[in-house]
Amino acid sequence: MVTHLSALKTGVTARIISIQSDEIATRLIAMGLAQGSEVSVQRKALFGNTLYIKSGNLRMGLRKEEADVITVSYEE
């Protein structure tokens, strides 16, 4: 199944297919998160404006606007 990272349910592991924003892609790659990386949403902030994700040993928070431009695939 293909969706945006912002729509991924908590605890589901997915693989990044693409990042539509060059600015965000550059920043994420510098932190070690690139196309093909496995990610999972650990939790979402109260009003859903921030997603806390995990990829290997990397843990980070992303704003919903940033997660909206990251396309991921996962199995149901």
PDB file of N, CA and C in Angstrom:
ATOM      1  N   MET A   1       0.846  -1.164   0.000  1.00  0.00           N
ATOM      2  CA  MET A   1       0.000   0.000   0.000  1.00  0.00           C
ATOM      3  C   MET A   1       0.900   1.238   0.000  1.00  0.00           C
ATOM      4  N   VAL A   2       0.506   2.262  -0.710  1.00  0.00           N
ATOM      5  CA  VAL A   2       1.295   3.494  -0.817  1.00  0.00           C
ATOM      6  C   VAL A   2       0.509   4.643  -0.205  1.00  0.00           C
ATOM      7  N   THR A   3       1.187   5.448   0.604  1.00  0.00           N
ATOM      8  CA  THR A   3       0.559   6.599   1.249  1.00  0.00           C
ATOM      9  C   THR A   3       1.638   7.611   1.629  1.00  0.00           C
ATOM     10  N   HIS A   4       1.232   8.696   2.228  1.00  0.00           N
ATOM     11  CA  HIS A   4       2.187   9.676   2.745  1.00  0.00           C
ATOM     12  C   HIS A   4       2.529   9.294   4.185  1.00  0.00           C
ATOM     13  N   LEU A   5       3.713   9.656   4.608  1.00  0.00           N
ATOM     14  CA  LEU A   5       4.159   9.338   5.966  1.00  0.00           C
ATOM     15  C   LEU A   5       3.194   9.892   7.008  1.00  0.00           C
ATOM     16  N   SER A   6       2.613  11.039   6.745  1.00  0.00           N
ATOM     17  CA  SER A   6       1.696  11.655   7.707  1.00  0.00           C
ATOM     18  C   SER A   6       0.437  10.821   7.926  1.00  0.00           C
ATOM     19  N   ALA A   7       0.076   9.971   6.965  1.00  0.00           N
ATOM     20  CA  ALA A   7      -1.129   9.155   7.078  1.00  0.00           C
ATOM     21  C   ALA A   7      -0.852   7.762   7.655  1.00  0.00           C
ATOM     22  N   LEU A   8       0.416   7.443   7.876  1.00  0.00           N
ATOM     23  CA  LEU A   8       0.782   6.131   8.394  1.00  0.00           C
ATOM     24  C   LEU A   8       0.335   5.984   9.843  1.00  0.00           C
ATOM     25  N   LYS A   9      -0.216   4.845  10.177  1.00  0.00           N
ATOM     26  CA  LYS A   9      -0.674   4.613  11.540  1.00  0.00           C
ATOM     27  C   LYS A   9       0.504   4.319  12.459  1.00  0.00           C
ATOM     28  N   THR A  10       0.332   4.644  13.716  1.00  0.00           N
ATOM     29  CA  THR A  10       1.356   4.425  14.720  1.00  0.00           C
ATOM     30  C   THR A  10       1.734   2.948  14.795  1.00  0.00           C
ATOM     31  N   GLY A  11       3.040   2.680  14.800  1.00  0.00           N
ATOM     32  CA  GLY A  11       3.531   1.315  14.928  1.00  0.00           C
ATOM     33  C   GLY A  11       3.736   0.580  13.622  1.00  0.00           C
ATOM     34  N   VAL A  12       3.268   1.115  12.505  1.00  0.00           N
ATOM     35  CA  VAL A  12       3.414   0.464  11.206  1.00  0.00           C
ATOM     36  C   VAL A  12       4.782   0.822  10.625  1.00  0.00           C
ATOM     37  N   THR A  13       5.488  -0.189  10.102  1.00  0.00           N
ATOM     38  CA  THR A  13       6.790   0.039   9.477  1.00  0.00           C
ATOM     39  C   THR A  13       6.594   0.152   7.971  1.00  0.00           C
ATOM     40  N   ALA A  14       7.229   1.162   7.373  1.00  0.00           N
ATOM     41  CA  ALA A  14       7.107   1.406   5.935  1.00  0.00           C
ATOM     42  C   ALA A  14       8.480   1.737   5.361  1.00  0.00           C
ATOM     43  N   ARG A  15       8.568   1.736   4.036  1.00  0.00           N
ATOM     44  CA  ARG A  15       9.801   2.084   3.342  1.00  0.00           C
ATOM     45  C   ARG A  15       9.569   3.361   2.551  1.00  0.00           C
ATOM     46  N   ILE A  16      10.516   4.289   2.629  1.00  0.00           N
ATOM     47  CA  ILE A  16      10.390   5.555   1.904  1.00  0.00           C
ATOM     48  C   ILE A  16      10.569   5.317   0.407  1.00  0.00           C
ATOM     49  N   ILE A  17       9.581   5.760  -0.374  1.00  0.00           N
ATOM     50  CA  ILE A  17       9.646   5.639  -1.834  1.00  0.00           C
ATOM     51  C   ILE A  17      10.231   6.912  -2.436  1.00  0.00           C
ATOM     52  N   SER A  18       9.734   8.063  -1.984  1.00  0.00           N
ATOM     53  CA  SER A  18      10.225   9.329  -2.525  1.00  0.00           C
ATOM     54  C   SER A  18       9.948  10.468  -1.561  1.00  0.00           C
ATOM     55  N   ILE A  19      10.696  11.547  -1.778  1.00  0.00           N
ATOM     56  CA  ILE A  19      10.506  12.777  -1.016  1.00  0.00           C
ATOM     57  C   ILE A  19      10.328  13.884  -2.056  1.00  0.00           C
ATOM     58  N   GLN A  20       9.145  14.497  -2.113  1.00  0.00           N
ATOM     59  CA  GLN A  20       8.816  15.439  -3.173  1.00  0.00           C
ATOM     60  C   GLN A  20       9.450  16.821  -3.013  1.00  0.00           C
ATOM     61  N   SER A  21       9.972  17.144  -1.866  1.00  0.00           N
ATOM     62  CA  SER A  21      10.585  18.450  -1.632  1.00  0.00           C
ATOM     63  C   SER A  21      12.100  18.298  -1.563  1.00  0.00           C
ATOM     64  N   ASP A  22      12.816  18.993  -2.468  1.00  0.00           N
ATOM     65  CA  ASP A  22      14.280  18.914  -2.466  1.00  0.00           C
ATOM     66  C   ASP A  22      14.871  19.445  -1.168  1.00  0.00           C
ATOM     67  N   GLU A  23      14.285  20.503  -0.626  1.00  0.00           N
ATOM     68  CA  GLU A  23      14.792  21.096   0.618  1.00  0.00           C
ATOM     69  C   GLU A  23      14.687  20.105   1.774  1.00  0.00           C
ATOM     70  N   ILE A  24      13.537  19.482   1.901  1.00  0.00           N
ATOM     71  CA  ILE A  24      13.331  18.503   2.978  1.00  0.00           C
ATOM     72  C   ILE A  24      14.185  17.263   2.728  1.00  0.00           C
ATOM     73  N   ALA A  25      14.273  16.823   1.471  1.00  0.00           N
ATOM     74  CA  ALA A  25      15.073  15.642   1.139  1.00  0.00           C
ATOM     75  C   ALA A  25      16.534  15.860   1.514  1.00  0.00           C
ATOM     76  N   THR A  26      17.078  17.024   1.209  1.00  0.00           N
ATOM     77  CA  THR A  26      18.469  17.330   1.532  1.00  0.00           C
ATOM     78  C   THR A  26      18.714  17.259   3.027  1.00  0.00           C
ATOM     79  N   ARG A  27      17.787  17.831   3.792  1.00  0.00           N
ATOM     80  CA  ARG A  27      17.936  17.836   5.253  1.00  0.00           C
ATOM     81  C   ARG A  27      17.831  16.426   5.825  1.00  0.00           C
ATOM     82  N   LEU A  28      16.879  15.630   5.335  1.00  0.00           N
ATOM     83  CA  LEU A  28      16.698  14.268   5.844  1.00  0.00           C
ATOM     84  C   LEU A  28      17.876  13.365   5.476  1.00  0.00           C
ATOM     85  N   ILE A  29      18.392  13.526   4.269  1.00  0.00           N
ATOM     86  CA  ILE A  29      19.549  12.728   3.847  1.00  0.00           C
ATOM     87  C   ILE A  29      20.751  13.037   4.723  1.00  0.00           C
ATOM     88  N   ALA A  30      20.926  14.302   5.072  1.00  0.00           N
ATOM     89  CA  ALA A  30      22.039  14.690   5.948  1.00  0.00           C
ATOM     90  C   ALA A  30      21.929  14.033   7.318  1.00  0.00           C
ATOM     91  N   MET A  31      20.699  13.719   7.734  1.00  0.00           N
ATOM     92  CA  MET A  31      20.496  13.066   9.026  1.00  0.00           C
ATOM     93  C   MET A  31      20.479  11.548   8.906  1.00  0.00           C
ATOM     94  N   GLY A  32      20.592  11.019   7.684  1.00  0.00           N
ATOM     95  CA  GLY A  32      20.646   9.578   7.489  1.00  0.00           C
ATOM     96  C   GLY A  32      19.341   8.938   7.073  1.00  0.00           C
ATOM     97  N   LEU A  33      18.373   9.740   6.674  1.00  0.00           N
ATOM     98  CA  LEU A  33      17.071   9.220   6.262  1.00  0.00           C
ATOM     99  C   LEU A  33      16.898   9.496   4.775  1.00  0.00           C
ATOM    100  N   ALA A  34      16.909   8.462   3.949  1.00  0.00           N
ATOM    101  CA  ALA A  34      16.857   8.632   2.499  1.00  0.00           C
ATOM    102  C   ALA A  34      15.862   7.661   1.876  1.00  0.00           C
ATOM    103  N   GLN A  35      15.712   7.774   0.572  1.00  0.00           N
ATOM    104  CA  GLN A  35      14.853   6.861  -0.171  1.00  0.00           C
ATOM    105  C   GLN A  35      15.320   5.432   0.082  1.00  0.00           C
ATOM    106  N   GLY A  36      14.373   4.541   0.382  1.00  0.00           N
ATOM    107  CA  GLY A  36      14.691   3.156   0.678  1.00  0.00           C
ATOM    108  C   GLY A  36      14.799   2.859   2.166  1.00  0.00           C
ATOM    109  N   SER A  37      14.886   3.895   2.995  1.00  0.00           N
ATOM    110  CA  SER A  37      14.974   3.697   4.446  1.00  0.00           C
ATOM    111  C   SER A  37      13.659   3.195   5.017  1.00  0.00           C
ATOM    112  N   GLU A  38      13.752   2.330   6.009  1.00  0.00           N
ATOM    113  CA  GLU A  38      12.558   1.880   6.723  1.00  0.00           C
ATOM    114  C   GLU A  38      12.276   2.844   7.865  1.00  0.00           C
ATOM    115  N   VAL A  39      11.016   3.243   8.001  1.00  0.00           N
ATOM    116  CA  VAL A  39      10.606   4.159   9.065  1.00  0.00           C
ATOM    117  C   VAL A  39       9.343   3.641   9.722  1.00  0.00           C
ATOM    118  N   SER A  40       9.139   4.040  10.954  1.00  0.00           N
ATOM    119  CA  SER A  40       7.872   3.746  11.623  1.00  0.00           C
ATOM    120  C   SER A  40       7.489   4.958  12.462  1.00  0.00           C
ATOM    121  N   VAL A  41       6.200   5.209  12.527  1.00  0.00           N
ATOM    122  CA  VAL A  41       5.694   6.305  13.352  1.00  0.00           C
ATOM    123  C   VAL A  41       5.563   5.765  14.766  1.00  0.00           C
ATOM    124  N   GLN A  42       6.290   6.360  15.703  1.00  0.00           N
ATOM    125  CA  GLN A  42       6.264   5.929  17.097  1.00  0.00           C
ATOM    126  C   GLN A  42       5.064   6.519  17.831  1.00  0.00           C
ATOM    127  N   ARG A  43       4.802   7.790  17.561  1.00  0.00           N
ATOM    128  CA  ARG A  43       3.626   8.439  18.151  1.00  0.00           C
ATOM    129  C   ARG A  43       3.365   9.742  17.419  1.00  0.00           C
ATOM    130  N   LYS A  44       2.175  10.270  17.643  1.00  0.00           N
ATOM    131  CA  LYS A  44       1.785  11.545  17.046  1.00  0.00           C
ATOM    132  C   LYS A  44       1.436  12.510  18.171  1.00  0.00           C
ATOM    133  N   ALA A  45       1.759  13.785  17.963  1.00  0.00           N
ATOM    134  CA  ALA A  45       1.452  14.808  18.959  1.00  0.00           C
ATOM    135  C   ALA A  45      -0.062  14.943  19.106  1.00  0.00           C
ATOM    136  N   LEU A  46      -0.476  15.571  20.174  1.00  0.00           N
ATOM    137  CA  LEU A  46      -1.878  15.667  20.545  1.00  0.00           C
ATOM    138  C   LEU A  46      -2.794  16.074  19.395  1.00  0.00           C
ATOM    139  N   PHE A  47      -2.466  17.125  18.689  1.00  0.00           N
ATOM    140  CA  PHE A  47      -3.322  17.580  17.595  1.00  0.00           C
ATOM    141  C   PHE A  47      -2.817  17.111  16.231  1.00  0.00           C
ATOM    142  N   GLY A  48      -1.851  16.207  16.217  1.00  0.00           N
ATOM    143  CA  GLY A  48      -1.358  15.624  14.978  1.00  0.00           C
ATOM    144  C   GLY A  48      -0.425  16.510  14.184  1.00  0.00           C
ATOM    145  N   ASN A  49       0.065  17.603  14.771  1.00  0.00           N
ATOM    146  CA  ASN A  49       0.951  18.505  14.047  1.00  0.00           C
ATOM    147  C   ASN A  49       2.376  17.992  13.970  1.00  0.00           C
ATOM    148  N   THR A  50       2.759  17.082  14.846  1.00  0.00           N
ATOM    149  CA  THR A  50       4.112  16.526  14.856  1.00  0.00           C
ATOM    150  C   THR A  50       4.031  15.008  14.917  1.00  0.00           C
ATOM    151  N   LEU A  51       4.871  14.361  14.107  1.00  0.00           N
ATOM    152  CA  LEU A  51       4.997  12.912  14.127  1.00  0.00           C
ATOM    153  C   LEU A  51       6.383  12.577  14.652  1.00  0.00           C
ATOM    154  N   TYR A  52       6.464  11.611  15.515  1.00  0.00           N
ATOM    155  CA  TYR A  52       7.745  11.147  16.033  1.00  0.00           C
ATOM    156  C   TYR A  52       8.032   9.814  15.374  1.00  0.00           C
ATOM    157  N   ILE A  53       9.124   9.772  14.606  1.00  0.00           N
ATOM    158  CA  ILE A  53       9.417   8.588  13.817  1.00  0.00           C
ATOM    159  C   ILE A  53      10.721   7.943  14.272  1.00  0.00           C
ATOM    160  N   LYS A  54      10.896   6.692  13.844  1.00  0.00           N
ATOM    161  CA  LYS A  54      12.102   5.930  14.148  1.00  0.00           C
ATOM    162  C   LYS A  54      12.565   5.255  12.868  1.00  0.00           C
ATOM    163  N   SER A  55      13.871   5.306  12.630  1.00  0.00           N
ATOM    164  CA  SER A  55      14.482   4.604  11.503  1.00  0.00           C
ATOM    165  C   SER A  55      15.835   4.100  11.987  1.00  0.00           C
ATOM    166  N   GLY A  56      15.934   2.821  12.256  1.00  0.00           N
ATOM    167  CA  GLY A  56      17.157   2.265  12.833  1.00  0.00           C
ATOM    168  C   GLY A  56      17.390   2.876  14.205  1.00  0.00           C
ATOM    169  N   ASN A  57      18.550   3.492  14.405  1.00  0.00           N
ATOM    170  CA  ASN A  57      18.850   4.157  15.675  1.00  0.00           C
ATOM    171  C   ASN A  57      18.428   5.618  15.685  1.00  0.00           C
ATOM    172  N   LEU A  58      17.956   6.116  14.552  1.00  0.00           N
ATOM    173  CA  LEU A  58      17.549   7.512  14.426  1.00  0.00           C
ATOM    174  C   LEU A  58      16.115   7.696  14.910  1.00  0.00           C
ATOM    175  N   ARG A  59      15.939   8.670  15.792  1.00  0.00           N
ATOM    176  CA  ARG A  59      14.603   9.042  16.246  1.00  0.00           C
ATOM    177  C   ARG A  59      14.486  10.541  16.065  1.00  0.00           C
ATOM    178  N   MET A  60      13.375  10.969  15.464  1.00  0.00           N
ATOM    179  CA  MET A  60      13.216  12.395  15.196  1.00  0.00           C
ATOM    180  C   MET A  60      11.750  12.782  15.109  1.00  0.00           C
ATOM    181  N   GLY A  61      11.505  14.066  15.225  1.00  0.00           N
ATOM    182  CA  GLY A  61      10.165  14.603  15.067  1.00  0.00           C
ATOM    183  C   GLY A  61      10.068  15.326  13.741  1.00  0.00           C
ATOM    184  N   LEU A  62       8.954  15.146  13.062  1.00  0.00           N
ATOM    185  CA  LEU A  62       8.695  15.830  11.799  1.00  0.00           C
ATOM    186  C   LEU A  62       7.369  16.563  11.897  1.00  0.00           C
ATOM    187  N   ARG A  63       7.323  17.755  11.337  1.00  0.00           N
ATOM    188  CA  ARG A  63       6.037  18.457  11.244  1.00  0.00           C
ATOM    189  C   ARG A  63       5.166  17.757  10.217  1.00  0.00           C
ATOM    190  N   LYS A  64       3.878  17.867  10.372  1.00  0.00           N
ATOM    191  CA  LYS A  64       2.940  17.219   9.446  1.00  0.00           C
ATOM    192  C   LYS A  64       3.195  17.673   8.012  1.00  0.00           C
ATOM    193  N   GLU A  65       3.505  18.955   7.818  1.00  0.00           N
ATOM    194  CA  GLU A  65       3.770  19.484   6.477  1.00  0.00           C
ATOM    195  C   GLU A  65       4.979  18.789   5.833  1.00  0.00           C
ATOM    196  N   GLU A  66       5.961  18.435   6.638  1.00  0.00           N
ATOM    197  CA  GLU A  66       7.131  17.715   6.129  1.00  0.00           C
ATOM    198  C   GLU A  66       6.773  16.269   5.816  1.00  0.00           C
ATOM    199  N   ALA A  67       6.013  15.639   6.685  1.00  0.00           N
ATOM    200  CA  ALA A  67       5.618  14.241   6.480  1.00  0.00           C
ATOM    201  C   ALA A  67       4.669  14.092   5.293  1.00  0.00           C
ATOM    202  N   ASP A  68       3.957  15.161   4.931  1.00  0.00           N
ATOM    203  CA  ASP A  68       3.035  15.123   3.791  1.00  0.00           C
ATOM    204  C   ASP A  68       3.753  14.959   2.461  1.00  0.00           C
ATOM    205  N   VAL A  69       5.035  15.317   2.364  1.00  0.00           N
ATOM    206  CA  VAL A  69       5.761  15.230   1.094  1.00  0.00           C
ATOM    207  C   VAL A  69       6.607  13.965   0.995  1.00  0.00           C
ATOM    208  N   ILE A  70       6.505  13.087   2.006  1.00  0.00           N
ATOM    209  CA  ILE A  70       7.257  11.831   2.008  1.00  0.00           C
ATOM    210  C   ILE A  70       6.300  10.695   1.672  1.00  0.00           C
ATOM    211  N   THR A  71       6.538  10.022   0.555  1.00  0.00           N
ATOM    212  CA  THR A  71       5.707   8.912   0.133  1.00  0.00           C
ATOM    213  C   THR A  71       6.334   7.608   0.612  1.00  0.00           C
ATOM    214  N   VAL A  72       5.529   6.760   1.223  1.00  0.00           N
ATOM    215  CA  VAL A  72       6.014   5.492   1.763  1.00  0.00           C
ATOM    216  C   VAL A  72       5.148   4.342   1.274  1.00  0.00           C
ATOM    217  N   SER A  73       5.698   3.145   1.319  1.00  0.00           N
ATOM    218  CA  SER A  73       4.919   1.939   0.998  1.00  0.00           C
ATOM    219  C   SER A  73       5.018   0.979   2.182  1.00  0.00           C
ATOM    220  N   TYR A  74       3.943   0.259   2.401  1.00  0.00           N
ATOM    221  CA  TYR A  74       3.909  -0.707   3.504  1.00  0.00           C
ATOM    222  C   TYR A  74       2.938  -1.826   3.151  1.00  0.00           C
ATOM    223  N   GLU A  75       3.050  -2.916   3.892  1.00  0.00           N
ATOM    224  CA  GLU A  75       2.142  -4.045   3.693  1.00  0.00           C
ATOM    225  C   GLU A  75       1.116  -4.046   4.805  1.00  0.00           C
ATOM    226  N   GLU A  76      -0.107  -4.335   4.438  1.00  0.00           N
ATOM    227  CA  GLU A  76      -1.184  -4.368   5.431  1.00  0.00           C
ATOM    228  C   GLU A  76      -1.197  -5.670   6.190  1.00  0.00           C
TER     229      GLU A  76
END
